[in-house]
Amino acid sequence: MVWFRRDLRVHDNLALHEASERATDGIVAVWVVNPDAWRRHDDGPAKVDFWLRNLRCLADALAARNIPLRVIRVARMEDEADAVVREAAACGCHALYFNREYEIDELRRDRDVVERCASAGLRVHHHDDRVAVAPGRVLTGSKTPYTVFTPFRRAWYAALRERGWQTVPAPKPQPRIDVKATEIPAEVEGFTSPLDASLWPAGEDFAQRRLAHFAEATVRRYETTRDVPAIDGTSALSPYLAAGVVSVRQCITAAVAQNDGAPDVGNEGVVTWVSELAWRDFYQHVMVAFPRVCMYRAFKRETERVPWRTAPAELARWSEGQTGFPLVDAAMRQLVKTGWMHNRLRMLTAMFLTKDLLLDWRAGERFFMHHLVDGDLGANNGGWQWSASTGTDAQPYFRVFNPYAQSKRFDPDGTFIRRFVPELQSVSTTALHDPAKLSVEVRRRVGYALPMVDHNAARVRAITAFKGLSTAEPA
């Protein structure tokens, strides 16, 4: 039996590939519906809907290979191990194959699965499929995990050169077996998506077309296009990577094909995009080495002492894109409307919440996770803690983005702002980037919110809150 999680593809799926190589009398696939776990982990309706739509595509691809997909439902995350082992036994399976997940709850679940399989006489085979380089494979000279990205990336590149990143083919048709596939639910109660499904088409074939188009048309210019939210300058593959509809190895392969096979030297666009894939791996490694980040704890222990403010009304204004700062509001509205946000804007909005408003990064992390179709704990938590200066960022805490400087630099003609903040359509471009020109009178005339804070004063407040924090562990 192959247990699918967030690896909803048949090509370059290590667990599925090994099962197909070893099996002699057929394969059964299983996927678990677990609303309790989704709620615990802040998985929102848009993401669950995306999973289910991709699951239907996966079921068709497996059926074409004579592999029935069984969907089982459990009431609690703690029930998953028993349910999967029972299903494997009921289907007459002798072994269980799966690809590892690295969040602390999932690691505990998988240890439980291994123990229960041993008791039931089932062999277990698991793989590091979500990453290009497995956690624990790259360590510092003192054999400790990396806590800063740049030296991690150098070691990650070395590991790629040493071990490669070969992909594996989809399985060939398997022997037919007397196990019926189950119907994929159209939706799960409590997880009805508000988004138009056409925003994020499902299926491995679509993901591969998107990857191929990006590699052929954009990746070589990625270094110059990636920070401009008004243009199609990124891959927009993050939902497909998060759900495992495409693999990180496939992404590296497609990118380096445009760079003479090199991941770390040559064309700046390719090297920069592969570096972004390294960031994804890095945050998975951090989760395994420092599991406290999975439990709403700061990576930098001393920052547990930051005196975060409690201001529900301000959190609500940020969430609704009503801060009075045009680029921040455009980004927040993009998130709610599309289930996705441009990465440059993820940093900006997170830094605005934590530095300008001095509100706890955990509130923002939850909001993002609940709305993002590409929500992934490692990447989301890592990004939020980086922006909040509680995480792995090696730069000082006093880095604070200026929302107006960011908009002038990355949305100079205001195209992105006007797209998502339509009340600013008639406002001049210079006013969009200048708080003095975007006056109270102008704001009232067009019906746009007054700014929540004075950025310069808020910056000083944030620096003061961080300055002098004890390096001792919090009580």
Protein backbone atom coordinates (compact mmCIF):
# COMPACT_ATOMS: atom_id res chain seq x y z
CA MET A 1 0.00 0.00 0.00
CA VAL A 2 1.20 3.51 -0.85
CA TRP A 3 0.04 6.19 1.59
CA PHE A 4 -0.24 9.52 -0.20
CA ARG A 5 0.04 12.70 1.82
CA ARG A 6 1.21 15.94 0.22
CA ASP A 7 2.76 14.14 -2.73
CA LEU A 8 -0.20 14.07 -5.12
CA ARG A 9 1.56 12.93 -8.29
CA VAL A 10 2.61 9.74 -10.05
CA HIS A 11 5.81 11.03 -11.67
CA ASP A 12 8.93 11.36 -9.52
CA ASN A 13 7.18 10.01 -6.43
CA LEU A 14 9.81 8.03 -4.54
CA ALA A 15 7.41 5.97 -2.40
CA LEU A 16 5.20 5.08 -5.34
CA HIS A 17 8.21 4.26 -7.50
CA GLU A 18 9.72 1.90 -4.95
CA ALA A 19 6.37 0.20 -4.38
CA SER A 20 6.01 -0.37 -8.12
CA GLU A 21 9.54 -1.79 -8.29
CA ARG A 22 8.95 -4.19 -5.42
CA ALA A 23 5.32 -5.18 -5.82
CA THR A 24 4.52 -8.45 -7.56
CA ASP A 25 0.78 -8.71 -7.00
CA GLY A 26 -0.49 -5.14 -7.32
CA ILE A 27 -0.61 -1.86 -5.43
CA VAL A 28 -3.28 -0.12 -3.38
CA ALA A 29 -3.15 3.62 -2.65
CA VAL A 30 -4.68 5.40 0.35
CA TRP A 31 -5.34 9.01 1.35
CA VAL A 32 -6.75 10.16 4.68
CA VAL A 33 -9.44 12.79 5.20
CA ASN A 34 -8.69 14.32 8.59
CA PRO A 35 -10.57 17.59 9.30
CA ASP A 36 -9.36 17.54 12.92
CA ALA A 37 -5.73 17.72 11.82
CA TRP A 38 -6.52 20.36 9.22
CA ARG A 39 -8.14 22.57 11.84
CA ARG A 40 -5.28 22.08 14.28
CA HIS A 41 -2.82 23.10 11.60
CA ASP A 42 -4.83 26.08 10.32
CA ASP A 43 -5.32 24.49 6.91
CA GLY A 44 -8.00 26.58 5.22
CA PRO A 45 -10.81 25.79 2.78
CA ALA A 46 -8.93 26.99 -0.31
CA LYS A 47 -6.06 24.62 0.39
CA VAL A 48 -8.27 21.63 1.23
CA ASP A 49 -10.30 22.23 -1.95
CA PHE A 50 -7.03 22.34 -3.92
CA TRP A 51 -5.98 19.03 -2.35
CA LEU A 52 -9.29 17.36 -3.22
CA ARG A 53 -9.22 18.56 -6.82
CA ASN A 54 -5.68 17.29 -7.26
CA LEU A 55 -6.62 14.06 -5.52
CA ARG A 56 -9.25 13.42 -8.19
CA CYS A 57 -6.62 13.90 -10.90
CA LEU A 58 -4.30 11.58 -9.00
CA ALA A 59 -7.04 8.94 -8.71
CA ASP A 60 -7.48 8.99 -12.48
CA ALA A 61 -3.74 8.68 -13.09
CA LEU A 62 -3.51 5.77 -10.65
CA ALA A 63 -6.58 4.06 -12.12
CA ALA A 64 -4.91 4.16 -15.55
CA ARG A 65 -2.15 2.10 -13.93
CA ASN A 66 -4.55 -0.33 -12.21
CA ILE A 67 -3.90 1.20 -8.80
CA PRO A 68 -7.12 1.82 -6.84
CA LEU A 69 -7.15 4.83 -4.50
CA ARG A 70 -8.90 4.31 -1.20
CA VAL A 71 -10.02 7.39 0.75
CA ILE A 72 -10.58 6.86 4.47
CA ARG A 73 -11.75 9.32 7.09
CA VAL A 74 -10.64 9.64 10.69
CA ALA A 75 -11.98 11.73 13.56
CA ARG A 76 -8.62 12.69 15.07
CA MET A 77 -5.02 12.86 13.97
CA GLU A 78 -4.19 10.29 16.65
CA ASP A 79 -6.41 7.80 14.78
CA GLU A 80 -4.52 7.94 11.48
CA ALA A 81 -1.95 5.27 12.25
CA ASP A 82 -4.52 2.67 13.28
CA ALA A 83 -6.80 3.51 10.36
CA VAL A 84 -4.07 3.16 7.75
CA VAL A 85 -2.77 -0.12 9.19
CA ARG A 86 -6.32 -1.52 9.33
CA GLU A 87 -6.92 -0.48 5.73
CA ALA A 88 -3.69 -2.10 4.60
CA ALA A 89 -4.64 -5.35 6.34
CA ALA A 90 -8.17 -5.27 4.92
CA CYS A 91 -6.78 -4.87 1.40
CA GLY A 92 -4.35 -7.76 1.89
CA CYS A 93 -1.23 -5.59 1.70
CA HIS A 94 2.11 -6.79 3.05
CA ALA A 95 4.00 -3.49 3.10
CA LEU A 96 3.40 0.24 3.52
CA TYR A 97 5.23 2.90 1.51
CA PHE A 98 5.11 6.63 2.22
CA ASN A 99 7.06 9.86 1.83
CA ARG A 100 8.06 11.59 5.04
CA GLU A 101 6.55 14.80 6.36
CA TYR A 102 8.65 16.89 8.74
CA GLU A 103 6.26 18.75 11.04
CA ILE A 104 6.41 17.52 14.62
CA ASP A 105 2.89 16.06 14.71
CA GLU A 106 3.49 14.23 11.46
CA LEU A 107 6.85 12.87 12.63
CA ARG A 108 5.18 11.54 15.78
CA ARG A 109 2.38 10.01 13.72
CA ASP A 110 4.85 8.30 11.42
CA ARG A 111 6.78 6.81 14.34
CA ASP A 112 3.47 5.45 15.58
CA VAL A 113 2.74 4.02 12.14
CA VAL A 114 6.10 2.25 12.01
CA GLU A 115 5.46 0.66 15.41
CA ARG A 116 1.95 -0.45 14.51
CA CYS A 117 3.08 -1.85 11.18
CA ALA A 118 5.74 -3.88 12.96
CA SER A 119 3.10 -5.30 15.31
CA ALA A 120 0.86 -6.15 12.35
CA GLY A 121 3.65 -7.77 10.35
CA LEU A 122 3.73 -5.05 7.70
CA ARG A 123 7.05 -3.93 6.24
CA VAL A 124 7.57 -0.17 6.11
CA HIS A 125 9.46 1.81 3.47
CA HIS A 126 9.69 5.60 3.74
CA HIS A 127 11.47 8.26 1.73
CA ASP A 128 12.63 11.87 1.83
CA ASP A 129 10.61 13.09 -1.13
CA ARG A 130 9.55 16.64 -0.15
CA VAL A 131 13.10 17.94 -0.26
CA ALA A 132 16.07 17.82 -2.60
CA VAL A 133 18.43 17.10 0.30
CA ALA A 134 17.13 15.18 3.31
CA PRO A 135 17.21 16.76 6.78
CA GLY A 136 20.40 15.76 8.59
CA ARG A 137 22.35 15.31 5.35
CA VAL A 138 23.98 18.75 5.52
CA LEU A 139 25.59 19.80 8.80
CA THR A 140 28.15 22.35 9.94
CA GLY A 141 31.76 21.44 10.52
CA SER A 142 30.87 20.72 14.15
CA LYS A 143 28.06 18.37 13.01
CA THR A 144 25.26 20.66 14.09
CA PRO A 145 22.31 21.88 12.00
CA TYR A 146 22.71 25.09 10.07
CA THR A 147 20.83 28.05 11.52
CA VAL A 148 21.73 30.62 8.85
CA PHE A 149 20.68 30.21 5.25
CA THR A 150 23.76 31.29 3.29
CA PRO A 151 26.17 28.65 4.66
CA PHE A 152 23.33 26.11 4.48
CA ARG A 153 22.91 26.88 0.80
CA ARG A 154 26.60 26.30 0.11
CA ALA A 155 26.40 22.89 1.79
CA TRP A 156 23.11 22.17 0.00
CA TYR A 157 24.72 22.88 -3.38
CA ALA A 158 27.62 20.60 -2.46
CA ALA A 159 25.17 17.84 -1.57
CA LEU A 160 23.37 18.28 -4.90
CA ARG A 161 26.64 18.02 -6.78
CA GLU A 162 27.64 14.94 -4.80
CA ARG A 163 24.36 13.02 -4.83
CA GLY A 164 22.47 14.56 -7.73
CA TRP A 165 18.73 15.15 -7.87
CA GLN A 166 17.61 12.44 -10.27
CA THR A 167 13.89 12.04 -10.89
CA VAL A 168 12.14 8.68 -11.17
CA PRO A 169 9.48 7.68 -13.70
CA ALA A 170 5.82 7.04 -13.06
CA PRO A 171 4.97 3.38 -12.46
CA LYS A 172 3.92 1.15 -15.31
CA PRO A 173 0.47 -0.47 -15.20
CA GLN A 174 0.26 -2.93 -12.32
CA PRO A 175 -1.50 -6.28 -12.08
CA ARG A 176 -5.24 -5.84 -11.53
CA ILE A 177 -6.40 -6.57 -8.01
CA ASP A 178 -9.78 -7.13 -6.40
CA VAL A 179 -9.88 -3.85 -4.47
CA LYS A 180 -12.34 -1.10 -5.34
CA ALA A 181 -11.37 2.54 -5.48
CA THR A 182 -13.50 4.85 -3.35
CA GLU A 183 -15.18 8.06 -4.46
CA ILE A 184 -13.26 11.27 -3.88
CA PRO A 185 -15.43 13.74 -1.91
CA ALA A 186 -16.27 16.92 -3.80
CA GLU A 187 -15.78 18.85 -0.58
CA VAL A 188 -15.48 18.31 3.16
CA GLU A 189 -17.88 19.97 5.57
CA GLY A 190 -16.39 23.12 7.03
CA PHE A 191 -13.90 23.47 4.17
CA THR A 192 -15.92 24.94 1.32
CA SER A 193 -13.57 27.17 -0.66
CA PRO A 194 -14.61 30.75 -1.46
CA LEU A 195 -12.16 30.90 -4.36
CA ASP A 196 -12.79 30.39 -8.06
CA ALA A 197 -11.23 26.99 -8.81
CA SER A 198 -9.94 28.28 -12.15
CA LEU A 199 -7.41 30.42 -10.26
CA TRP A 200 -5.50 27.26 -9.42
CA PRO A 201 -6.19 24.49 -11.96
CA ALA A 202 -5.58 21.02 -10.59
CA GLY A 203 -3.53 18.14 -11.86
CA GLU A 204 -0.01 17.00 -12.48
CA ASP A 205 -0.29 17.69 -16.21
CA PHE A 206 -1.14 21.33 -15.58
CA ALA A 207 1.68 21.69 -13.04
CA GLN A 208 4.16 20.30 -15.55
CA ARG A 209 2.96 22.69 -18.24
CA ARG A 210 3.30 25.62 -15.85
CA LEU A 211 6.81 24.50 -14.87
CA ALA A 212 7.84 24.07 -18.51
CA HIS A 213 6.49 27.50 -19.46
CA PHE A 214 8.27 29.17 -16.56
CA ALA A 215 11.54 27.40 -17.34
CA GLU A 216 11.41 28.24 -21.02
CA ALA A 217 10.01 31.77 -20.86
CA THR A 218 10.86 33.33 -17.51
CA VAL A 219 13.45 31.64 -15.31
CA ARG A 220 16.45 33.19 -17.05
CA ARG A 221 15.02 36.65 -16.20
CA TYR A 222 13.82 35.67 -12.73
CA GLU A 223 16.45 37.72 -10.91
CA THR A 224 14.98 40.93 -12.37
CA THR A 225 11.28 39.98 -12.47
CA ARG A 226 10.72 38.19 -9.17
CA ASP A 227 10.16 41.29 -7.01
CA VAL A 228 7.61 43.03 -9.27
CA PRO A 229 4.12 41.93 -8.20
CA ALA A 230 2.31 43.55 -11.16
CA ILE A 231 3.88 41.18 -13.70
CA ASP A 232 3.95 37.43 -14.16
CA GLY A 233 7.56 37.21 -13.02
CA THR A 234 7.47 34.23 -10.66
CA SER A 235 6.72 30.57 -11.25
CA ALA A 236 3.44 30.55 -9.24
CA LEU A 237 4.29 26.91 -8.57
CA SER A 238 4.20 27.16 -4.77
CA PRO A 239 0.70 25.61 -4.42
CA TYR A 240 1.81 22.67 -6.56
CA LEU A 241 5.02 22.24 -4.58
CA ALA A 242 3.15 22.47 -1.26
CA ALA A 243 0.66 19.79 -2.32
CA GLY A 244 3.36 17.71 -3.97
CA VAL A 245 1.76 17.91 -7.42
CA VAL A 246 5.24 18.74 -8.68
CA SER A 247 8.51 17.78 -6.99
CA VAL A 248 11.45 19.95 -6.05
CA ARG A 249 13.68 17.64 -8.10
CA GLN A 250 11.55 18.23 -11.20
CA CYS A 251 11.84 21.97 -10.60
CA ILE A 252 15.63 21.86 -10.30
CA THR A 253 15.86 19.69 -13.40
CA ALA A 254 13.73 22.08 -15.47
CA ALA A 255 15.65 25.13 -14.27
CA VAL A 256 19.18 23.86 -14.77
CA ALA A 257 18.29 22.69 -18.28
CA GLN A 258 18.32 26.42 -19.06
CA ASN A 259 21.76 26.81 -17.46
CA ASP A 260 23.98 24.06 -18.88
CA GLY A 261 23.01 21.75 -16.01
CA ALA A 262 24.42 23.95 -13.23
CA PRO A 263 22.31 24.87 -10.18
CA ASP A 264 24.69 27.36 -8.55
CA VAL A 265 26.70 29.19 -11.22
CA GLY A 266 25.85 30.74 -14.56
CA ASN A 267 22.62 32.52 -15.41
CA GLU A 268 21.56 34.70 -12.47
CA GLY A 269 17.87 34.03 -12.97
CA VAL A 270 18.28 30.27 -12.78
CA VAL A 271 20.66 30.45 -9.84
CA THR A 272 18.31 32.77 -7.95
CA TRP A 273 15.28 30.52 -8.50
CA VAL A 274 17.17 27.39 -7.44
CA SER A 275 18.24 29.35 -4.36
CA GLU A 276 14.54 29.89 -3.59
CA LEU A 277 14.09 26.11 -3.73
CA ALA A 278 16.99 25.85 -1.29
CA TRP A 279 15.05 28.14 1.07
CA ARG A 280 12.16 25.66 1.00
CA ASP A 281 14.52 22.84 1.94
CA PHE A 282 16.18 24.98 4.61
CA TYR A 283 12.94 25.57 6.47
CA GLN A 284 12.14 21.85 6.41
CA HIS A 285 15.57 21.17 7.92
CA VAL A 286 14.95 23.83 10.57
CA MET A 287 11.66 22.18 11.57
CA VAL A 288 13.34 18.83 12.10
CA ALA A 289 16.31 20.25 14.00
CA PHE A 290 14.31 22.76 16.06
CA PRO A 291 10.79 21.34 16.46
CA ARG A 292 9.76 24.18 18.76
CA VAL A 293 9.06 26.27 15.66
CA CYS A 294 6.19 23.86 14.95
CA MET A 295 4.67 24.73 18.32
CA TYR A 296 4.25 28.51 18.01
CA ARG A 297 7.64 29.12 19.63
CA ALA A 298 10.27 31.55 18.43
CA PHE A 299 13.42 30.20 16.83
CA LYS A 300 15.46 32.83 18.71
CA ARG A 301 14.53 32.02 22.27
CA GLU A 302 15.29 35.49 23.61
CA THR A 303 12.63 36.99 21.35
CA GLU A 304 9.95 35.23 23.39
CA ARG A 305 10.39 38.32 25.58
CA VAL A 306 9.26 40.81 22.93
CA PRO A 307 6.34 42.78 24.42
CA TRP A 308 3.90 42.18 21.58
CA ARG A 309 0.81 44.37 21.74
CA THR A 310 -2.76 43.05 21.92
CA ALA A 311 -4.97 45.05 19.54
CA PRO A 312 -7.75 42.99 17.89
CA ALA A 313 -9.13 45.96 15.96
CA GLU A 314 -5.71 46.65 14.42
CA LEU A 315 -5.25 42.98 13.54
CA ALA A 316 -8.65 43.08 11.83
CA ARG A 317 -7.73 46.15 9.77
CA TRP A 318 -4.50 44.47 8.66
CA SER A 319 -6.40 41.28 7.79
CA GLU A 320 -8.96 43.20 5.74
CA GLY A 321 -6.44 45.31 3.81
CA GLN A 322 -7.55 48.53 5.48
CA THR A 323 -4.26 49.73 6.97
CA GLY A 324 -4.10 52.91 4.91
CA PHE A 325 -0.78 51.88 3.35
CA PRO A 326 -1.55 51.13 -0.32
CA LEU A 327 0.88 48.32 -1.10
CA VAL A 328 0.21 46.56 2.22
CA ASP A 329 -3.54 46.71 1.58
CA ALA A 330 -3.21 45.53 -2.01
CA ALA A 331 -1.18 42.54 -0.85
CA MET A 332 -3.63 41.56 1.88
CA ARG A 333 -6.55 41.82 -0.52
CA GLN A 334 -4.67 39.71 -3.06
CA LEU A 335 -4.27 37.01 -0.42
CA VAL A 336 -7.96 36.90 0.50
CA LYS A 337 -9.14 37.14 -3.10
CA THR A 338 -6.75 34.64 -4.70
CA GLY A 339 -5.35 32.45 -1.90
CA TRP A 340 -1.84 33.56 -2.79
CA MET A 341 0.50 36.48 -2.23
CA HIS A 342 3.64 37.57 -4.04
CA ASN A 343 6.70 36.70 -1.94
CA ARG A 344 8.05 40.25 -1.77
CA LEU A 345 4.67 41.27 -0.37
CA ARG A 346 4.62 38.43 2.14
CA MET A 347 7.73 39.95 3.67
CA LEU A 348 6.28 43.45 3.57
CA THR A 349 2.91 42.59 5.14
CA ALA A 350 4.50 40.39 7.78
CA MET A 351 6.98 43.09 8.70
CA PHE A 352 4.20 45.68 8.81
CA LEU A 353 2.23 43.57 11.29
CA THR A 354 5.20 42.78 13.51
CA LYS A 355 7.21 45.99 13.29
CA ASP A 356 4.80 48.82 12.41
CA LEU A 357 1.95 47.46 14.55
CA LEU A 358 4.11 45.44 16.98
CA LEU A 359 1.57 42.60 16.88
CA ASP A 360 2.57 39.00 17.50
CA TRP A 361 3.85 37.20 14.41
CA ARG A 362 1.87 34.10 15.42
CA ALA A 363 -1.44 35.86 14.67
CA GLY A 364 -0.23 36.70 11.19
CA GLU A 365 1.18 33.23 10.63
CA ARG A 366 -2.22 31.70 11.43
CA PHE A 367 -4.05 34.12 9.16
CA PHE A 368 -1.74 33.37 6.26
CA MET A 369 -1.90 29.63 6.83
CA HIS A 370 -5.69 29.71 6.86
CA HIS A 371 -5.94 31.64 3.59
CA LEU A 372 -2.96 30.47 1.52
CA VAL A 373 -3.60 27.80 -1.07
CA ASP A 374 0.14 27.09 -0.85
CA GLY A 375 0.27 27.14 2.95
CA ASP A 376 3.20 25.05 4.18
CA LEU A 377 4.22 25.17 7.82
CA GLY A 378 7.95 25.24 7.19
CA ALA A 379 7.91 28.00 4.58
CA ASN A 380 5.15 30.03 6.23
CA ASN A 381 6.62 29.87 9.73
CA GLY A 382 10.12 30.48 8.44
CA GLY A 383 9.02 33.52 6.46
CA TRP A 384 7.04 34.99 9.32
CA GLN A 385 9.82 34.53 11.85
CA TRP A 386 12.34 35.97 9.39
CA SER A 387 10.19 39.08 8.99
CA ALA A 388 9.53 39.35 12.72
CA SER A 389 13.26 39.05 13.57
CA THR A 390 12.49 36.03 15.76
CA GLY A 391 13.77 33.48 13.26
CA THR A 392 16.86 32.42 11.34
CA ASP A 393 17.58 35.77 9.73
CA ALA A 394 21.21 36.73 10.37
CA GLN A 395 20.45 40.46 9.93
CA PRO A 396 19.76 42.68 12.96
CA TYR A 397 16.27 43.20 14.33
CA PHE A 398 16.24 46.82 13.23
CA ARG A 399 15.60 45.96 9.56
CA VAL A 400 12.11 47.41 8.98
CA PHE A 401 10.64 47.80 5.50
CA ASN A 402 9.19 51.20 4.64
CA PRO A 403 5.87 50.48 2.86
CA TYR A 404 6.10 53.61 0.70
CA ALA A 405 9.69 52.97 -0.34
CA GLN A 406 8.76 49.39 -1.18
CA SER A 407 5.84 50.46 -3.36
CA LYS A 408 7.89 53.09 -5.17
CA ARG A 409 10.60 50.55 -5.90
CA PHE A 410 8.57 47.46 -6.76
CA ASP A 411 5.26 48.89 -8.05
CA PRO A 412 6.50 52.18 -9.50
CA ASP A 413 3.52 52.88 -11.75
CA GLY A 414 0.99 51.65 -9.18
CA THR A 415 -0.42 48.91 -11.42
CA PHE A 416 -0.57 46.29 -8.69
CA ILE A 417 -1.96 48.67 -6.09
CA ARG A 418 -4.76 49.83 -8.36
CA ARG A 419 -5.62 46.25 -9.29
CA PHE A 420 -6.43 45.27 -5.73
CA VAL A 421 -7.31 48.64 -4.18
CA PRO A 422 -9.72 50.00 -6.78
CA GLU A 423 -10.67 53.04 -4.71
CA LEU A 424 -7.21 54.39 -5.57
CA GLN A 425 -7.75 54.18 -9.34
CA SER A 426 -7.99 57.95 -9.75
CA VAL A 427 -5.14 58.82 -7.38
CA SER A 428 -1.89 59.96 -8.98
CA THR A 429 1.02 57.56 -9.02
CA THR A 430 3.22 59.91 -7.02
CA ALA A 431 0.59 60.08 -4.28
CA LEU A 432 0.50 56.29 -4.02
CA HIS A 433 4.13 56.37 -2.90
CA ASP A 434 4.10 59.57 -0.87
CA PRO A 435 2.17 59.81 2.41
CA ALA A 436 2.23 63.61 2.28
CA LYS A 437 0.52 63.67 -1.12
CA LEU A 438 -1.92 60.90 -0.21
CA SER A 439 -3.47 63.36 2.20
CA VAL A 440 -6.47 63.06 4.48
CA GLU A 441 -8.47 65.06 1.98
CA VAL A 442 -7.58 62.72 -0.89
CA ARG A 443 -8.29 59.64 1.19
CA ARG A 444 -11.71 60.91 2.20
CA ARG A 445 -12.56 61.87 -1.35
CA VAL A 446 -11.89 58.38 -2.73
CA GLY A 447 -13.00 56.46 0.38
CA TYR A 448 -9.62 55.06 1.34
CA ALA A 449 -8.56 54.37 4.93
CA LEU A 450 -6.42 56.72 6.96
CA PRO A 451 -3.00 55.27 7.87
CA MET A 452 -3.04 53.21 11.05
CA VAL A 453 0.33 54.39 12.29
CA ASP A 454 3.10 56.82 11.60
CA HIS A 455 5.72 54.55 10.06
CA ASN A 456 8.75 56.42 11.39
CA ALA A 457 7.41 56.45 14.96
CA ALA A 458 6.37 52.82 14.71
CA ARG A 459 9.85 51.86 13.52
CA VAL A 460 11.40 53.47 16.58
CA ARG A 461 8.87 51.69 18.82
CA ALA A 462 9.73 48.32 17.30
CA ILE A 463 13.48 48.82 17.62
CA THR A 464 13.04 49.85 21.24
CA ALA A 465 10.98 46.72 21.94
CA PHE A 466 13.75 44.48 20.59
CA LYS A 467 16.77 46.39 21.87
CA GLY A 468 18.56 44.83 24.79
CA LEU A 469 16.59 41.59 24.90
CA SER A 470 18.37 39.13 27.14
CA THR A 471 20.06 36.25 25.37
CA ALA A 472 19.03 34.05 28.26
CA GLU A 473 16.19 31.62 27.64
CA PRO A 474 12.77 32.98 28.61
CA ALA A 475 11.15 31.68 31.77
